[in-house]
Amino acid sequence: IKMKVKGKLMATGRRKLGAIIGDGVKTGVNVSIMPGVKIGSSSIIGPNVVVYRDLPKGTFVLLKQKLDFKEVTPAS
């Protein structure tokens, strides 16, 4: 597992490592946080977000998505 330390990607020497989460962080439902990610204190992460990089303190992350609905025509 690798993580950024002072801007450089470094090996942690561990086979297992969770995320490092600061005080007062709030996450919505179905949030995934990748191993080795650091989340700064007082950050807010909305539902269905995959956090794959470090977040500075006080960061608000919200997923924006677009749904396309189309009619399905049966095969003849």
PDB file of N, CA and C in Angstrom:
ATOM      1  N   ILE A   1       0.848  -1.174   0.000  1.00  0.00           N
ATOM      2  CA  ILE A   1       0.000   0.000   0.000  1.00  0.00           C
ATOM      3  C   ILE A   1       0.898   1.242   0.000  1.00  0.00           C
ATOM      4  N   LYS A   2       0.542   2.206  -0.853  1.00  0.00           N
ATOM      5  CA  LYS A   2       1.302   3.452  -0.930  1.00  0.00           C
ATOM      6  C   LYS A   2       0.413   4.613  -0.510  1.00  0.00           C
ATOM      7  N   MET A   3       1.039   5.670  -0.002  1.00  0.00           N
ATOM      8  CA  MET A   3       0.303   6.884   0.323  1.00  0.00           C
ATOM      9  C   MET A   3       1.213   8.088   0.130  1.00  0.00           C
ATOM     10  N   LYS A   4       0.605   9.251  -0.093  1.00  0.00           N
ATOM     11  CA  LYS A   4       1.387  10.467  -0.295  1.00  0.00           C
ATOM     12  C   LYS A   4       1.808  11.052   1.042  1.00  0.00           C
ATOM     13  N   VAL A   5       3.101  11.369   1.138  1.00  0.00           N
ATOM     14  CA  VAL A   5       3.655  12.037   2.306  1.00  0.00           C
ATOM     15  C   VAL A   5       4.466  13.223   1.790  1.00  0.00           C
ATOM     16  N   LYS A   6       4.060  14.434   2.160  1.00  0.00           N
ATOM     17  CA  LYS A   6       4.709  15.661   1.694  1.00  0.00           C
ATOM     18  C   LYS A   6       4.825  15.700   0.176  1.00  0.00           C
ATOM     19  N   GLY A   7       3.755  15.258  -0.502  1.00  0.00           N
ATOM     20  CA  GLY A   7       3.685  15.324  -1.955  1.00  0.00           C
ATOM     21  C   GLY A   7       4.357  14.185  -2.699  1.00  0.00           C
ATOM     22  N   LYS A   8       5.010  13.261  -1.996  1.00  0.00           N
ATOM     23  CA  LYS A   8       5.683  12.138  -2.646  1.00  0.00           C
ATOM     24  C   LYS A   8       4.971  10.839  -2.315  1.00  0.00           C
ATOM     25  N   LEU A   9       4.819   9.970  -3.313  1.00  0.00           N
ATOM     26  CA  LEU A   9       4.196   8.671  -3.114  1.00  0.00           C
ATOM     27  C   LEU A   9       5.215   7.731  -2.482  1.00  0.00           C
ATOM     28  N   MET A  10       4.870   7.203  -1.309  1.00  0.00           N
ATOM     29  CA  MET A  10       5.804   6.351  -0.574  1.00  0.00           C
ATOM     30  C   MET A  10       5.142   5.039  -0.193  1.00  0.00           C
ATOM     31  N   ALA A  11       5.938   3.975  -0.187  1.00  0.00           N
ATOM     32  CA  ALA A  11       5.449   2.677   0.267  1.00  0.00           C
ATOM     33  C   ALA A  11       5.326   2.708   1.785  1.00  0.00           C
ATOM     34  N   THR A  12       4.220   2.175   2.305  1.00  0.00           N
ATOM     35  CA  THR A  12       4.013   2.164   3.755  1.00  0.00           C
ATOM     36  C   THR A  12       4.667   0.958   4.404  1.00  0.00           C
ATOM     37  N   GLY A  13       5.026  -0.049   3.602  1.00  0.00           N
ATOM     38  CA  GLY A  13       5.594  -1.271   4.156  1.00  0.00           C
ATOM     39  C   GLY A  13       4.530  -2.184   4.742  1.00  0.00           C
ATOM     40  N   ARG A  14       3.282  -1.863   4.492  1.00  0.00           N
ATOM     41  CA  ARG A  14       2.179  -2.665   5.027  1.00  0.00           C
ATOM     42  C   ARG A  14       1.437  -3.364   3.900  1.00  0.00           C
ATOM     43  N   ARG A  15       0.895  -4.523   4.241  1.00  0.00           N
ATOM     44  CA  ARG A  15       0.047  -5.224   3.281  1.00  0.00           C
ATOM     45  C   ARG A  15      -1.403  -4.770   3.406  1.00  0.00           C
ATOM     46  N   LYS A  16      -1.765  -4.284   4.586  1.00  0.00           N
ATOM     47  CA  LYS A  16      -3.125  -3.811   4.837  1.00  0.00           C
ATOM     48  C   LYS A  16      -3.047  -2.426   5.465  1.00  0.00           C
ATOM     49  N   LEU A  17      -3.865  -1.511   4.980  1.00  0.00           N
ATOM     50  CA  LEU A  17      -3.912  -0.167   5.545  1.00  0.00           C
ATOM     51  C   LEU A  17      -5.233   0.462   5.145  1.00  0.00           C
ATOM     52  N   GLY A  18      -5.955   0.950   6.094  1.00  0.00           N
ATOM     53  CA  GLY A  18      -7.208   1.643   5.803  1.00  0.00           C
ATOM     54  C   GLY A  18      -6.939   3.097   5.477  1.00  0.00           C
ATOM     55  N   ALA A  19      -7.969   3.891   5.561  1.00  0.00           N
ATOM     56  CA  ALA A  19      -7.841   5.328   5.340  1.00  0.00           C
ATOM     57  C   ALA A  19      -7.490   6.016   6.656  1.00  0.00           C
ATOM     58  N   ILE A  20      -6.980   7.225   6.547  1.00  0.00           N
ATOM     59  CA  ILE A  20      -6.696   8.044   7.719  1.00  0.00           C
ATOM     60  C   ILE A  20      -7.689   9.201   7.669  1.00  0.00           C
ATOM     61  N   ILE A  21      -8.602   9.225   8.636  1.00  0.00           N
ATOM     62  CA  ILE A  21      -9.732  10.149   8.602  1.00  0.00           C
ATOM     63  C   ILE A  21      -9.651  11.104   9.791  1.00  0.00           C
ATOM     64  N   GLY A  22      -9.683  12.412   9.489  1.00  0.00           N
ATOM     65  CA  GLY A  22      -9.580  13.439  10.522  1.00  0.00           C
ATOM     66  C   GLY A  22     -10.842  13.578  11.362  1.00  0.00           C
ATOM     67  N   ASP A  23     -10.748  14.380  12.400  1.00  0.00           N
ATOM     68  CA  ASP A  23     -11.873  14.626  13.302  1.00  0.00           C
ATOM     69  C   ASP A  23     -13.015  15.342  12.586  1.00  0.00           C
ATOM     70  N   GLY A  24     -14.239  14.966  12.937  1.00  0.00           N
ATOM     71  CA  GLY A  24     -15.420  15.667  12.442  1.00  0.00           C
ATOM     72  C   GLY A  24     -15.761  15.421  10.989  1.00  0.00           C
ATOM     73  N   VAL A  25     -15.193  14.398  10.366  1.00  0.00           N
ATOM     74  CA  VAL A  25     -15.509  14.080   8.971  1.00  0.00           C
ATOM     75  C   VAL A  25     -16.875  13.406   8.920  1.00  0.00           C
ATOM     76  N   LYS A  26     -17.695  13.808   7.953  1.00  0.00           N
ATOM     77  CA  LYS A  26     -19.018  13.209   7.772  1.00  0.00           C
ATOM     78  C   LYS A  26     -19.084  12.596   6.381  1.00  0.00           C
ATOM     79  N   THR A  27     -19.629  11.367   6.307  1.00  0.00           N
ATOM     80  CA  THR A  27     -19.763  10.693   5.017  1.00  0.00           C
ATOM     81  C   THR A  27     -21.214  10.303   4.790  1.00  0.00           C
ATOM     82  N   GLY A  28     -21.625  10.358   3.530  1.00  0.00           N
ATOM     83  CA  GLY A  28     -22.956   9.910   3.151  1.00  0.00           C
ATOM     84  C   GLY A  28     -22.974   8.401   2.970  1.00  0.00           C
ATOM     85  N   VAL A  29     -24.143   7.883   2.624  1.00  0.00           N
ATOM     86  CA  VAL A  29     -24.287   6.442   2.419  1.00  0.00           C
ATOM     87  C   VAL A  29     -23.517   6.005   1.174  1.00  0.00           C
ATOM     88  N   ASN A  30     -23.032   4.782   1.208  1.00  0.00           N
ATOM     89  CA  ASN A  30     -22.365   4.140   0.070  1.00  0.00           C
ATOM     90  C   ASN A  30     -21.078   4.855  -0.360  1.00  0.00           C
ATOM     91  N   VAL A  31     -20.385   5.493   0.564  1.00  0.00           N
ATOM     92  CA  VAL A  31     -19.093   6.116   0.264  1.00  0.00           C
ATOM     93  C   VAL A  31     -18.009   5.049   0.342  1.00  0.00           C
ATOM     94  N   SER A  32     -17.114   5.026  -0.642  1.00  0.00           N
ATOM     95  CA  SER A  32     -15.961   4.121  -0.632  1.00  0.00           C
ATOM     96  C   SER A  32     -14.694   4.961  -0.532  1.00  0.00           C
ATOM     97  N   ILE A  33     -13.828   4.602   0.404  1.00  0.00           N
ATOM     98  CA  ILE A  33     -12.565   5.315   0.593  1.00  0.00           C
ATOM     99  C   ILE A  33     -11.436   4.323   0.349  1.00  0.00           C
ATOM    100  N   MET A  34     -10.592   4.606  -0.627  1.00  0.00           N
ATOM    101  CA  MET A  34      -9.523   3.699  -1.011  1.00  0.00           C
ATOM    102  C   MET A  34      -8.432   3.659   0.060  1.00  0.00           C
ATOM    103  N   PRO A  35      -7.689   2.537   0.119  1.00  0.00           N
ATOM    104  CA  PRO A  35      -6.632   2.387   1.126  1.00  0.00           C
ATOM    105  C   PRO A  35      -5.561   3.469   0.996  1.00  0.00           C
ATOM    106  N   GLY A  36      -5.094   3.957   2.133  1.00  0.00           N
ATOM    107  CA  GLY A  36      -4.008   4.930   2.150  1.00  0.00           C
ATOM    108  C   GLY A  36      -4.427   6.369   1.942  1.00  0.00           C
ATOM    109  N   VAL A  37      -5.720   6.614   1.716  1.00  0.00           N
ATOM    110  CA  VAL A  37      -6.199   7.978   1.495  1.00  0.00           C
ATOM    111  C   VAL A  37      -6.298   8.708   2.832  1.00  0.00           C
ATOM    112  N   LYS A  38      -5.908   9.990   2.836  1.00  0.00           N
ATOM    113  CA  LYS A  38      -6.024  10.827   4.025  1.00  0.00           C
ATOM    114  C   LYS A  38      -7.142  11.845   3.792  1.00  0.00           C
ATOM    115  N   ILE A  39      -8.069  11.926   4.754  1.00  0.00           N
ATOM    116  CA  ILE A  39      -9.178  12.872   4.663  1.00  0.00           C
ATOM    117  C   ILE A  39      -9.034  13.866   5.806  1.00  0.00           C
ATOM    118  N   GLY A  40      -8.917  15.146   5.441  1.00  0.00           N
ATOM    119  CA  GLY A  40      -8.715  16.194   6.436  1.00  0.00           C
ATOM    120  C   GLY A  40      -9.931  16.419   7.314  1.00  0.00           C
ATOM    121  N   SER A  41      -9.701  16.958   8.493  1.00  0.00           N
ATOM    122  CA  SER A  41     -10.769  17.180   9.460  1.00  0.00           C
ATOM    123  C   SER A  41     -11.859  18.097   8.905  1.00  0.00           C
ATOM    124  N   SER A  42     -13.060  17.908   9.426  1.00  0.00           N
ATOM    125  CA  SER A  42     -14.244  18.715   9.087  1.00  0.00           C
ATOM    126  C   SER A  42     -14.646  18.628   7.621  1.00  0.00           C
ATOM    127  N   SER A  43     -14.216  17.597   6.912  1.00  0.00           N
ATOM    128  CA  SER A  43     -14.628  17.410   5.521  1.00  0.00           C
ATOM    129  C   SER A  43     -15.983  16.723   5.477  1.00  0.00           C
ATOM    130  N   ILE A  44     -16.708  16.940   4.383  1.00  0.00           N
ATOM    131  CA  ILE A  44     -18.012  16.318   4.177  1.00  0.00           C
ATOM    132  C   ILE A  44     -17.987  15.631   2.825  1.00  0.00           C
ATOM    133  N   ILE A  45     -18.379  14.348   2.805  1.00  0.00           N
ATOM    134  CA  ILE A  45     -18.389  13.563   1.574  1.00  0.00           C
ATOM    135  C   ILE A  45     -19.816  13.096   1.334  1.00  0.00           C
ATOM    136  N   GLY A  46     -20.380  13.469   0.192  1.00  0.00           N
ATOM    137  CA  GLY A  46     -21.759  13.126  -0.142  1.00  0.00           C
ATOM    138  C   GLY A  46     -21.914  11.655  -0.492  1.00  0.00           C
ATOM    139  N   PRO A  47     -23.153  11.201  -0.685  1.00  0.00           N
ATOM    140  CA  PRO A  47     -23.425   9.793  -0.960  1.00  0.00           C
ATOM    141  C   PRO A  47     -22.848   9.321  -2.294  1.00  0.00           C
ATOM    142  N   ASN A  48     -22.495   8.039  -2.348  1.00  0.00           N
ATOM    143  CA  ASN A  48     -22.037   7.340  -3.560  1.00  0.00           C
ATOM    144  C   ASN A  48     -20.705   7.829  -4.122  1.00  0.00           C
ATOM    145  N   VAL A  49     -19.912   8.532  -3.335  1.00  0.00           N
ATOM    146  CA  VAL A  49     -18.618   9.038  -3.796  1.00  0.00           C
ATOM    147  C   VAL A  49     -17.537   7.983  -3.552  1.00  0.00           C
ATOM    148  N   VAL A  50     -16.625   7.828  -4.515  1.00  0.00           N
ATOM    149  CA  VAL A  50     -15.432   7.004  -4.336  1.00  0.00           C
ATOM    150  C   VAL A  50     -14.263   7.970  -4.141  1.00  0.00           C
ATOM    151  N   VAL A  51     -13.670   7.960  -2.949  1.00  0.00           N
ATOM    152  CA  VAL A  51     -12.557   8.865  -2.637  1.00  0.00           C
ATOM    153  C   VAL A  51     -11.259   8.120  -2.942  1.00  0.00           C
ATOM    154  N   TYR A  52     -10.546   8.573  -3.966  1.00  0.00           N
ATOM    155  CA  TYR A  52      -9.335   7.884  -4.411  1.00  0.00           C
ATOM    156  C   TYR A  52      -8.082   8.741  -4.255  1.00  0.00           C
ATOM    157  N   ARG A  53      -8.241   9.959  -3.714  1.00  0.00           N
ATOM    158  CA  ARG A  53      -7.076  10.819  -3.466  1.00  0.00           C
ATOM    159  C   ARG A  53      -7.278  11.554  -2.150  1.00  0.00           C
ATOM    160  N   ASP A  54      -6.199  12.111  -1.622  1.00  0.00           N
ATOM    161  CA  ASP A  54      -6.259  12.829  -0.352  1.00  0.00           C
ATOM    162  C   ASP A  54      -7.148  14.066  -0.465  1.00  0.00           C
ATOM    163  N   LEU A  55      -7.832  14.382   0.641  1.00  0.00           N
ATOM    164  CA  LEU A  55      -8.667  15.579   0.700  1.00  0.00           C
ATOM    165  C   LEU A  55      -8.139  16.499   1.798  1.00  0.00           C
ATOM    166  N   PRO A  56      -7.924  17.783   1.488  1.00  0.00           N
ATOM    167  CA  PRO A  56      -7.502  18.714   2.528  1.00  0.00           C
ATOM    168  C   PRO A  56      -8.633  18.958   3.528  1.00  0.00           C
ATOM    169  N   LYS A  57      -8.313  19.514   4.677  1.00  0.00           N
ATOM    170  CA  LYS A  57      -9.341  19.755   5.695  1.00  0.00           C
ATOM    171  C   LYS A  57     -10.398  20.721   5.162  1.00  0.00           C
ATOM    172  N   GLY A  58     -11.630  20.489   5.611  1.00  0.00           N
ATOM    173  CA  GLY A  58     -12.731  21.367   5.227  1.00  0.00           C
ATOM    174  C   GLY A  58     -13.194  21.221   3.789  1.00  0.00           C
ATOM    175  N   THR A  59     -12.978  20.058   3.177  1.00  0.00           N
ATOM    176  CA  THR A  59     -13.373  19.829   1.785  1.00  0.00           C
ATOM    177  C   THR A  59     -14.781  19.250   1.722  1.00  0.00           C
ATOM    178  N   PHE A  60     -15.589  19.749   0.791  1.00  0.00           N
ATOM    179  CA  PHE A  60     -16.925  19.206   0.537  1.00  0.00           C
ATOM    180  C   PHE A  60     -16.887  18.514  -0.816  1.00  0.00           C
ATOM    181  N   VAL A  61     -17.242  17.227  -0.855  1.00  0.00           N
ATOM    182  CA  VAL A  61     -17.213  16.456  -2.098  1.00  0.00           C
ATOM    183  C   VAL A  61     -18.626  15.969  -2.392  1.00  0.00           C
ATOM    184  N   LEU A  62     -19.104  16.241  -3.600  1.00  0.00           N
ATOM    185  CA  LEU A  62     -20.437  15.822  -4.003  1.00  0.00           C
ATOM    186  C   LEU A  62     -20.364  15.230  -5.396  1.00  0.00           C
ATOM    187  N   LEU A  63     -20.980  14.084  -5.591  1.00  0.00           N
ATOM    188  CA  LEU A  63     -21.012  13.423  -6.893  1.00  0.00           C
ATOM    189  C   LEU A  63     -22.128  14.015  -7.731  1.00  0.00           C
ATOM    190  N   LYS A  64     -21.814  14.414  -8.951  1.00  0.00           N
ATOM    191  CA  LYS A  64     -22.829  14.862  -9.901  1.00  0.00           C
ATOM    192  C   LYS A  64     -22.907  13.806 -10.990  1.00  0.00           C
ATOM    193  N   GLN A  65     -24.109  13.356 -11.244  1.00  0.00           N
ATOM    194  CA  GLN A  65     -24.269  12.355 -12.294  1.00  0.00           C
ATOM    195  C   GLN A  65     -25.464  12.706 -13.154  1.00  0.00           C
ATOM    196  N   LYS A  66     -25.488  12.139 -14.348  1.00  0.00           N
ATOM    197  CA  LYS A  66     -26.571  12.384 -15.284  1.00  0.00           C
ATOM    198  C   LYS A  66     -27.176  11.041 -15.652  1.00  0.00           C
ATOM    199  N   LEU A  67     -28.483  10.965 -15.608  1.00  0.00           N
ATOM    200  CA  LEU A  67     -29.180   9.747 -16.003  1.00  0.00           C
ATOM    201  C   LEU A  67     -29.840   9.974 -17.352  1.00  0.00           C
ATOM    202  N   ASP A  68     -29.660   9.031 -18.270  1.00  0.00           N
ATOM    203  CA  ASP A  68     -30.327   9.067 -19.570  1.00  0.00           C
ATOM    204  C   ASP A  68     -31.365   7.960 -19.602  1.00  0.00           C
ATOM    205  N   PHE A  69     -32.608   8.323 -19.876  1.00  0.00           N
ATOM    206  CA  PHE A  69     -33.688   7.348 -19.982  1.00  0.00           C
ATOM    207  C   PHE A  69     -34.100   7.251 -21.439  1.00  0.00           C
ATOM    208  N   LYS A  70     -34.126   6.024 -21.964  1.00  0.00           N
ATOM    209  CA  LYS A  70     -34.517   5.796 -23.355  1.00  0.00           C
ATOM    210  C   LYS A  70     -35.511   4.651 -23.405  1.00  0.00           C
ATOM    211  N   GLU A  71     -36.383   4.731 -24.357  1.00  0.00           N
ATOM    212  CA  GLU A  71     -37.368   3.669 -24.539  1.00  0.00           C
ATOM    213  C   GLU A  71     -36.697   2.465 -25.190  1.00  0.00           C
ATOM    214  N   VAL A  72     -37.034   1.292 -24.687  1.00  0.00           N
ATOM    215  CA  VAL A  72     -36.502   0.055 -25.245  1.00  0.00           C
ATOM    216  C   VAL A  72     -37.520  -0.482 -26.240  1.00  0.00           C
ATOM    217  N   THR A  73     -37.047  -0.753 -27.454  1.00  0.00           N
ATOM    218  CA  THR A  73     -37.949  -1.338 -28.454  1.00  0.00           C
ATOM    219  C   THR A  73     -37.664  -2.822 -28.554  1.00  0.00           C
ATOM    220  N   PRO A  74     -38.722  -3.645 -28.491  1.00  0.00           N
ATOM    221  CA  PRO A  74     -38.513  -5.091 -28.563  1.00  0.00           C
ATOM    222  C   PRO A  74     -37.992  -5.525 -29.934  1.00  0.00           C
ATOM    223  N   ALA A  75     -37.170  -6.562 -29.933  1.00  0.00           N
ATOM    224  CA  ALA A  75     -36.648  -7.111 -31.195  1.00  0.00           C
ATOM    225  C   ALA A  75     -37.780  -7.802 -31.944  1.00  0.00           C
ATOM    226  N   SER A  76     -37.781  -7.698 -33.285  1.00  0.00           N
ATOM    227  CA  SER A  76     -38.845  -8.339 -34.068  1.00  0.00           C
ATOM    228  C   SER A  76     -38.554  -9.791 -34.313  1.00  0.00           C
TER     229      SER A  76
END
